Amino acid sequence: MTTSGASSSKPAAAGTEGAAISDGASSDSGNASQRGRKPRMADVARVAGVSHQTVSRVLNHSPSVRPETRERVLAAIAELGYRRNVAARALVTQSSRTFGVVTFGAELYGPSSTLMGVESAAREAGYYVSLANMRTVDSESVHSAIDHFVEQDVDGLVVVTTSIEGDDTFESLGLDVPIVVVGAGRKPRADEIPVAVDQEHGARLAVRHLVDSGHEEIVHLTGPRDSFDARARVMGYRAEMEAASLKPRPVIVGDWTSQQGYEVGKTMSARALPSAIFAGNDPMALGLIYALTEAGYDVPGDVSVVGFDDVPGTEYYRPPLTTVRQNFEELGRQCIAALLAALEDKGKPHPTPIKPELVIRQSTAPPRRD
């Protein structure tokens, strides 16, 4: 497990008039640096010529502070090198203003983009994010991460899970904070709030586009069998093929990498090609296209290729890749909104899975008619 602390950016929490947060500062207004201690809120107030409460309002982004007063306080903070005492603040508010996030496979585009979406939404809501990235999905690692967050007294937890086989490691965590779990198509437990992108719908969009273009021979190169996302995309592929009265072909199991896509493309180019291939993610689609063009085939003239995710740069593939785009910013917003609703006792939310969208580029075309 690797862990990292919260982002260094200040959260934009809205304060209220008169709601001062104490950091344990005394009324002593002497020079803090001369006594070898860290500057306190009272020191900032003295230098800025304002009250302790005004400094608190500035730190909490209250709109009730005049701009010129805010500038004086910020200048004093910079001059003294003041850093607010988060531990003391937590004692007063009974909140750490921190959410824990557990991710698996953070080197992959989906989990890493989900993490960025969650972090951005948390910051907008006035919260920090503490991260635990798990290299393996097993009970010992998961409970180690949970213990880490319990010690930090986090206000809520987001779990970005990818593994079907490792899913039972989250059973009976016994936490008294709300838990959001991001995992497509998985059945949530009683103490969880499910948030997800509708991966099955995204796969159906990809296949429907190929069917509408006139393709009947469509093969799906999927992700690992142990992946929730891959499983949902396989279901979408099969459902849309059957809806079009076409027989789904046996899926080819991949591993999300361009290398795997390339190897599959080399194998496919040595035999009769289908007219279209739906790749489970964009890196595998890139490897496929490279192998097919290396073997002398034209994409999309001889075979159309669709990817999934719309990773940065797909518009600059050769040819530019038709793909399915996931809205990770909205995914992050839903995660944080669900945690906040649970913290405010507004009932357990049940967010609707986010619909991805099809991005049509030049890697797909109607099949060639000989």
Foldseek 3Di string as FASTA:
>chain_A
DDKDWWDPDFFQAEDDPPPAQAQPDDCDQDDQVVVPHADGLNVLCVQLVHDSRLLRNLSNVYPPDDPVSNVSSVVSCVVRVHDGRLVSRCVVVVASLEEEEEEEPCVDPVRVLLVVLQQVLSSHNRGIYIYDYDDDQDLVSVLVSVVVVVVSVHQEYEYEDWFQVSPCSPPPPPDPHQYEYEFEPDDDDPRYAYEYAQLLLQLLQVQVVQVVQPFQFEAEAFAAPGTRSRVSSVNSPCVNSVVVVGHYDDHHYAHNALVRLLVVLLVQLVDDHGQEYEYAADSSQLNNQVNQVVSPDDFNARHAYEHEACDPPQVVRVPRHWYKHDDSNVSSNVRVVQSVCVSVVVDRDHDDHHYIGIDDTRRHHRYDDD
